[in-house]
Every structure is written in C-alpha cells, then in structure tokens.
PDB file of N, CA and C in Angstrom:
ATOM      1  N   MET A   1      81.436 102.690  98.596  1.00  0.00           N
ATOM      2  CA  MET A   1      82.623 103.475  98.327  1.00  0.00           C
ATOM      3  C   MET A   1      83.594 102.622  97.516  1.00  0.00           C
ATOM      4  N   PHE A   2      84.126 103.185  96.436  1.00  0.00           N
ATOM      5  CA  PHE A   2      85.122 102.523  95.605  1.00  0.00           C
ATOM      6  C   PHE A   2      86.472 103.198  95.830  1.00  0.00           C
ATOM      7  N   THR A   3      87.555 102.445  95.677  1.00  0.00           N
ATOM      8  CA  THR A   3      88.905 102.974  95.817  1.00  0.00           C
ATOM      9  C   THR A   3      89.687 102.671  94.551  1.00  0.00           C
ATOM     10  N   CYS A   4      90.327 103.675  93.982  1.00  0.00           N
ATOM     11  CA  CYS A   4      91.144 103.467  92.796  1.00  0.00           C
ATOM     12  C   CYS A   4      92.286 102.521  93.136  1.00  0.00           C
ATOM     13  N   ARG A   5      92.487 101.487  92.314  1.00  0.00           N
ATOM     14  CA  ARG A   5      93.525 100.483  92.552  1.00  0.00           C
ATOM     15  C   ARG A   5      94.905 100.919  92.052  1.00  0.00           C
ATOM     16  N   ASN A   6      94.980 102.051  91.380  1.00  0.00           N
ATOM     17  CA  ASN A   6      96.275 102.567  90.948  1.00  0.00           C
ATOM     18  C   ASN A   6      97.062 102.954  92.197  1.00  0.00           C
ATOM     19  N   GLN A   7      98.233 102.338  92.398  1.00  0.00           N
ATOM     20  CA  GLN A   7      98.997 102.552  93.628  1.00  0.00           C
ATOM     21  C   GLN A   7      99.358 104.009  93.858  1.00  0.00           C
ATOM     22  N   SER A   8      99.591 104.762  92.801  1.00  0.00           N
ATOM     23  CA  SER A   8      99.958 106.164  92.977  1.00  0.00           C
ATOM     24  C   SER A   8      98.745 107.067  93.165  1.00  0.00           C
ATOM     25  N   CYS A   9      97.532 106.523  93.035  1.00  0.00           N
ATOM     26  CA  CYS A   9      96.312 107.320  93.182  1.00  0.00           C
ATOM     27  C   CYS A   9      95.608 106.978  94.496  1.00  0.00           C
ATOM     28  N   GLY A  10      94.875 105.863  94.524  1.00  0.00           N
ATOM     29  CA  GLY A  10      94.202 105.425  95.744  1.00  0.00           C
ATOM     30  C   GLY A  10      93.026 106.284  96.177  1.00  0.00           C
ATOM     31  N   THR A  11      92.522 107.134  95.300  1.00  0.00           N
ATOM     32  CA  THR A  11      91.414 108.021  95.639  1.00  0.00           C
ATOM     33  C   THR A  11      90.127 107.227  95.844  1.00  0.00           C
ATOM     34  N   GLN A  12      89.334 107.641  96.817  1.00  0.00           N
ATOM     35  CA  GLN A  12      88.054 106.989  97.081  1.00  0.00           C
ATOM     36  C   GLN A  12      86.941 107.762  96.383  1.00  0.00           C
ATOM     37  N   TRP A  13      85.977 106.981  95.847  1.00  0.00           N
ATOM     38  CA  TRP A  13      84.870 107.560  95.093  1.00  0.00           C
ATOM     39  C   TRP A  13      83.550 106.964  95.547  1.00  0.00           C
ATOM     40  N   GLU A  14      82.528 107.773  95.566  1.00  0.00           N
ATOM     41  CA  GLU A  14      81.165 107.292  95.781  1.00  0.00           C
ATOM     42  C   GLU A  14      80.686 106.670  94.469  1.00  0.00           C
ATOM     43  N   PRO A  15      79.801 105.679  94.538  1.00  0.00           N
ATOM     44  CA  PRO A  15      79.283 105.086  93.294  1.00  0.00           C
ATOM     45  C   PRO A  15      78.678 106.119  92.340  1.00  0.00           C
ATOM     46  N   SER A  16      78.098 107.174  92.880  1.00  0.00           N
ATOM     47  CA  SER A  16      77.490 108.200  92.025  1.00  0.00           C
ATOM     48  C   SER A  16      78.534 109.066  91.314  1.00  0.00           C
ATOM     49  N   ASP A  17      79.813 108.971  91.722  1.00  0.00           N
ATOM     50  CA  ASP A  17      80.880 109.770  91.118  1.00  0.00           C
ATOM     51  C   ASP A  17      81.516 109.109  89.899  1.00  0.00           C
ATOM     52  N   VAL A  18      81.219 107.827  89.666  1.00  0.00           N
ATOM     53  CA  VAL A  18      81.877 107.094  88.586  1.00  0.00           C
ATOM     54  C   VAL A  18      80.850 106.551  87.598  1.00  0.00           C
ATOM     55  N   VAL A  19      81.313 106.225  86.398  1.00  0.00           N
ATOM     56  CA  VAL A  19      80.474 105.623  85.362  1.00  0.00           C
ATOM     57  C   VAL A  19      80.930 104.177  85.187  1.00  0.00           C
ATOM     58  N   ILE A  20      80.028 103.238  85.453  1.00  0.00           N
ATOM     59  CA  ILE A  20      80.343 101.820  85.318  1.00  0.00           C
ATOM     60  C   ILE A  20      79.906 101.368  83.932  1.00  0.00           C
ATOM     61  N   LYS A  21      80.829 100.731  83.212  1.00  0.00           N
ATOM     62  CA  LYS A  21      80.528 100.270  81.853  1.00  0.00           C
ATOM     63  C   LYS A  21      81.386  99.048  81.536  1.00  0.00           C
ATOM     64  N   ASP A  22      81.074  98.407  80.422  1.00  0.00           N
ATOM     65  CA  ASP A  22      81.827  97.250  79.957  1.00  0.00           C
ATOM     66  C   ASP A  22      82.625  97.674  78.731  1.00  0.00           C
ATOM     67  N   GLU A  23      83.946  97.666  78.842  1.00  0.00           N
ATOM     68  CA  GLU A  23      84.814  98.032  77.718  1.00  0.00           C
ATOM     69  C   GLU A  23      85.349  96.794  77.006  1.00  0.00           C
ATOM     70  N   GLY A  24      84.680  95.652  77.205  1.00  0.00           N
ATOM     71  CA  GLY A  24      85.088  94.425  76.551  1.00  0.00           C
ATOM     72  C   GLY A  24      85.861  93.466  77.436  1.00  0.00           C
ATOM     73  N   GLN A  25      86.236  93.905  78.634  1.00  0.00           N
ATOM     74  CA  GLN A  25      86.976  93.058  79.568  1.00  0.00           C
ATOM     75  C   GLN A  25      86.209  92.869  80.870  1.00  0.00           C
ATOM     76  N   GLY A  26      84.933  93.155  80.856  1.00  0.00           N
ATOM     77  CA  GLY A  26      84.119  93.057  82.059  1.00  0.00           C
ATOM     78  C   GLY A  26      83.742  94.435  82.567  1.00  0.00           C
ATOM     79  N   LEU A  27      82.875  94.465  83.563  1.00  0.00           N
ATOM     80  CA  LEU A  27      82.407  95.733  84.117  1.00  0.00           C
ATOM     81  C   LEU A  27      83.538  96.447  84.850  1.00  0.00           C
ATOM     82  N   LEU A  28      83.626  97.741  84.622  1.00  0.00           N
ATOM     83  CA  LEU A  28      84.657  98.533  85.280  1.00  0.00           C
ATOM     84  C   LEU A  28      84.235  99.988  85.337  1.00  0.00           C
ATOM     85  N   PHE A  29      84.959 100.742  86.159  1.00  0.00           N
ATOM     86  CA  PHE A  29      84.874 102.196  86.099  1.00  0.00           C
ATOM     87  C   PHE A  29      86.290 102.717  85.958  1.00  0.00           C
ATOM     88  N   ARG A  30      86.414 103.831  85.280  1.00  0.00           N
ATOM     89  CA  ARG A  30      87.717 104.486  85.175  1.00  0.00           C
ATOM     90  C   ARG A  30      87.779 105.578  86.233  1.00  0.00           C
ATOM     91  N   CYS A  31      88.885 105.609  86.946  1.00  0.00           N
ATOM     92  CA  CYS A  31      89.069 106.624  87.978  1.00  0.00           C
ATOM     93  C   CYS A  31      88.959 108.003  87.334  1.00  0.00           C
ATOM     94  N   PRO A  32      88.079 108.867  87.849  1.00  0.00           N
ATOM     95  CA  PRO A  32      87.944 110.210  87.279  1.00  0.00           C
ATOM     96  C   PRO A  32      89.215 111.054  87.408  1.00  0.00           C
ATOM     97  N   LEU A  33      90.097 110.692  88.342  1.00  0.00           N
ATOM     98  CA  LEU A  33      91.311 111.469  88.566  1.00  0.00           C
ATOM     99  C   LEU A  33      92.470 111.006  87.682  1.00  0.00           C
ATOM    100  N   CYS A  34      92.735 109.689  87.654  1.00  0.00           N
ATOM    101  CA  CYS A  34      93.911 109.191  86.925  1.00  0.00           C
ATOM    102  C   CYS A  34      93.575 108.343  85.704  1.00  0.00           C
ATOM    103  N   GLY A  35      92.317 107.914  85.545  1.00  0.00           N
ATOM    104  CA  GLY A  35      91.913 107.137  84.381  1.00  0.00           C
ATOM    105  C   GLY A  35      92.159 105.642  84.475  1.00  0.00           C
ATOM    106  N   ALA A  36      92.645 105.156  85.620  1.00  0.00           N
ATOM    107  CA  ALA A  36      92.930 103.726  85.774  1.00  0.00           C
ATOM    108  C   ALA A  36      91.644 102.906  85.730  1.00  0.00           C
ATOM    109  N   ARG A  37      91.753 101.681  85.190  1.00  0.00           N
ATOM    110  CA  ARG A  37      90.612 100.758  85.166  1.00  0.00           C
ATOM    111  C   ARG A  37      90.458 100.120  86.541  1.00  0.00           C
ATOM    112  N   ASN A  38      89.225 100.088  87.029  1.00  0.00           N
ATOM    113  CA  ASN A  38      88.899  99.474  88.310  1.00  0.00           C
ATOM    114  C   ASN A  38      87.694  98.571  88.084  1.00  0.00           C
ATOM    115  N   TYR A  39      87.867  97.276  88.295  1.00  0.00           N
ATOM    116  CA  TYR A  39      86.838  96.298  87.940  1.00  0.00           C
ATOM    117  C   TYR A  39      85.820  96.108  89.051  1.00  0.00           C
ATOM    118  N   VAL A  40      84.564  95.904  88.655  1.00  0.00           N
ATOM    119  CA  VAL A  40      83.462  95.714  89.596  1.00  0.00           C
ATOM    120  C   VAL A  40      82.626  94.516  89.159  1.00  0.00           C
ATOM    121  N   GLU A  41      81.824  94.023  90.086  1.00  0.00           N
ATOM    122  CA  GLU A  41      80.884  92.945  89.804  1.00  0.00           C
ATOM    123  C   GLU A  41      79.489  93.434  90.143  1.00  0.00           C
ATOM    124  N   ARG A  42      78.524  93.043  89.337  1.00  0.00           N
ATOM    125  CA  ARG A  42      77.139  93.472  89.515  1.00  0.00           C
ATOM    126  C   ARG A  42      76.353  92.412  90.275  1.00  0.00           C
ATOM    127  N   PHE A  43      75.542  92.868  91.229  1.00  0.00           N
ATOM    128  CA  PHE A  43      74.660  91.993  91.994  1.00  0.00           C
ATOM    129  C   PHE A  43      73.270  92.604  92.025  1.00  0.00           C
ATOM    130  N   ASP A  44      72.259  91.758  92.123  1.00  0.00           N
ATOM    131  CA  ASP A  44      70.890  92.220  92.329  1.00  0.00           C
ATOM    132  C   ASP A  44      70.566  92.055  93.806  1.00  0.00           C
ATOM    133  N   ALA A  45      70.261  93.156  94.484  1.00  0.00           N
ATOM    134  CA  ALA A  45      69.936  93.119  95.905  1.00  0.00           C
ATOM    135  C   ALA A  45      68.555  92.503  96.112  1.00  0.00           C
ATOM    136  N   ASP A  46      68.268  92.106  97.340  1.00  0.00           N
ATOM    137  CA  ASP A  46      66.981  91.493  97.669  1.00  0.00           C
ATOM    138  C   ASP A  46      65.804  92.403  97.344  1.00  0.00           C
ATOM    139  N   ASP A  47      66.029  93.723  97.444  1.00  0.00           N
ATOM    140  CA  ASP A  47      64.949  94.670  97.167  1.00  0.00           C
ATOM    141  C   ASP A  47      64.841  95.020  95.684  1.00  0.00           C
ATOM    142  N   GLY A  48      65.666  94.361  94.843  1.00  0.00           N
ATOM    143  CA  GLY A  48      65.612  94.593  93.407  1.00  0.00           C
ATOM    144  C   GLY A  48      66.591  95.637  92.900  1.00  0.00           C
ATOM    145  N   ALA A  49      67.265  96.316  93.808  1.00  0.00           N
ATOM    146  CA  ALA A  49      68.233  97.332  93.403  1.00  0.00           C
ATOM    147  C   ALA A  49      69.482  96.668  92.818  1.00  0.00           C
ATOM    148  N   ILE A  50      70.142  97.362  91.916  1.00  0.00           N
ATOM    149  CA  ILE A  50      71.397  96.884  91.351  1.00  0.00           C
ATOM    150  C   ILE A  50      72.533  97.428  92.209  1.00  0.00           C
ATOM    151  N   VAL A  51      73.425  96.519  92.628  1.00  0.00           N
ATOM    152  CA  VAL A  51      74.537  96.882  93.504  1.00  0.00           C
ATOM    153  C   VAL A  51      75.836  96.455  92.829  1.00  0.00           C
ATOM    154  N   TYR A  52      76.848  97.302  92.905  1.00  0.00           N
ATOM    155  CA  TYR A  52      78.158  96.976  92.358  1.00  0.00           C
ATOM    156  C   TYR A  52      79.160  96.875  93.494  1.00  0.00           C
ATOM    157  N   GLU A  53      80.022  95.839  93.427  1.00  0.00           N
ATOM    158  CA  GLU A  53      81.095  95.671  94.398  1.00  0.00           C
ATOM    159  C   GLU A  53      82.409  95.628  93.639  1.00  0.00           C
ATOM    160  N   GLN A  54      83.394  96.325  94.178  1.00  0.00           N
ATOM    161  CA  GLN A  54      84.699  96.355  93.536  1.00  0.00           C
ATOM    162  C   GLN A  54      85.397  95.010  93.715  1.00  0.00           C
ATOM    163  N   LEU A  55      86.019  94.517  92.648  1.00  0.00           N
ATOM    164  CA  LEU A  55      86.729  93.244  92.690  1.00  0.00           C
ATOM    165  C   LEU A  55      88.136  93.461  93.227  1.00  0.00           C
ATOM    166  N   GLU A  56      88.519  92.668  94.204  1.00  0.00           N
ATOM    167  CA  GLU A  56      89.867  92.733  94.758  1.00  0.00           C
ATOM    168  C   GLU A  56      90.836  92.068  93.789  1.00  0.00           C
ATOM    169  N   GLY A  57      92.005  92.621  93.647  1.00  0.00           N
ATOM    170  CA  GLY A  57      93.038  91.983  92.857  1.00  0.00           C
ATOM    171  C   GLY A  57      93.055  92.297  91.377  1.00  0.00           C
ATOM    172  N   ARG A  58      91.956  92.716  90.810  1.00  0.00           N
ATOM    173  CA  ARG A  58      91.963  93.050  89.389  1.00  0.00           C
ATOM    174  C   ARG A  58      92.338  94.507  89.242  1.00  0.00           C
ATOM    175  N   PRO A  59      93.097  94.877  88.291  1.00  0.00           N
ATOM    176  CA  PRO A  59      93.479  94.136  87.097  1.00  0.00           C
ATOM    177  C   PRO A  59      94.764  93.335  87.231  1.00  0.00           C
ATOM    178  N   PHE A  60      95.336  93.236  88.410  1.00  0.00           N
ATOM    179  CA  PHE A  60      96.633  92.592  88.583  1.00  0.00           C
ATOM    180  C   PHE A  60      96.577  91.078  88.406  1.00  0.00           C
ATOM    181  N   ILE A  61      95.482  90.429  88.769  1.00  0.00           N
ATOM    182  CA  ILE A  61      95.337  88.989  88.627  1.00  0.00           C
ATOM    183  C   ILE A  61      94.479  88.719  87.400  1.00  0.00           C
ATOM    184  N   GLN A  62      95.003  87.975  86.462  1.00  0.00           N
ATOM    185  CA  GLN A  62      94.263  87.666  85.244  1.00  0.00           C
ATOM    186  C   GLN A  62      94.231  86.158  85.065  1.00  0.00           C
ATOM    187  N   PRO A  63      93.277  85.461  85.699  1.00  0.00           N
ATOM    188  CA  PRO A  63      93.252  84.001  85.659  1.00  0.00           C
ATOM    189  C   PRO A  63      93.011  83.418  84.275  1.00  0.00           C
ATOM    190  N   ASP A  64      92.445  84.157  83.350  1.00  0.00           N
ATOM    191  CA  ASP A  64      92.154  83.634  82.021  1.00  0.00           C
ATOM    192  C   ASP A  64      93.296  83.859  81.035  1.00  0.00           C
ATOM    193  N   ALA A  65      94.352  84.521  81.480  1.00  0.00           N
ATOM    194  CA  ALA A  65      95.463  84.825  80.577  1.00  0.00           C
ATOM    195  C   ALA A  65      96.232  83.551  80.232  1.00  0.00           C
ATOM    196  N   THR A  66      96.555  83.418  78.967  1.00  0.00           N
ATOM    197  CA  THR A  66      97.354  82.278  78.524  1.00  0.00           C
ATOM    198  C   THR A  66      98.642  82.793  77.909  1.00  0.00           C
ATOM    199  N   THR A  67      99.670  82.011  78.009  1.00  0.00           N
ATOM    200  CA  THR A  67     100.970  82.447  77.499  1.00  0.00           C
ATOM    201  C   THR A  67     101.316  81.749  76.220  1.00  0.00           C
TER     202      THR A  67
END
C-alpha cells in the first residue's frame, strides 16, 4: 500500500492503482487524485519478483541539493 505524501491529500493506493516510472529524478508514482510526486525504491524479492517500497521523507529531503 502506498500513501500520497501531499499533506492535503494523503490518499492510500494499491500498487496496481499507480504507474511507477522514472521522470529523471528517480523512480516515482504520481498520485492519481492530486498528481503529487511520490518516490519509491525498487527491490528484487527472493522469489524474483520486483517489489517497490515508498521512500520516507522524499520529496521533502533532498540530500544531493547544492546551493
């Protein structure tokens, strides 16, 4: 289950409800309701299945940002 990180949205989505893609800033899905970017990380499960986990803190924390 994924949760939209947009504070005014917060809608929960099943993985089958969203499209995960790379828009140039890493893997993410856009909330189908509000369009907010929600970042995920890809893992390969022991059985060979591809699993995505939502990243906590993104997009609010940007460790690679330089001023």
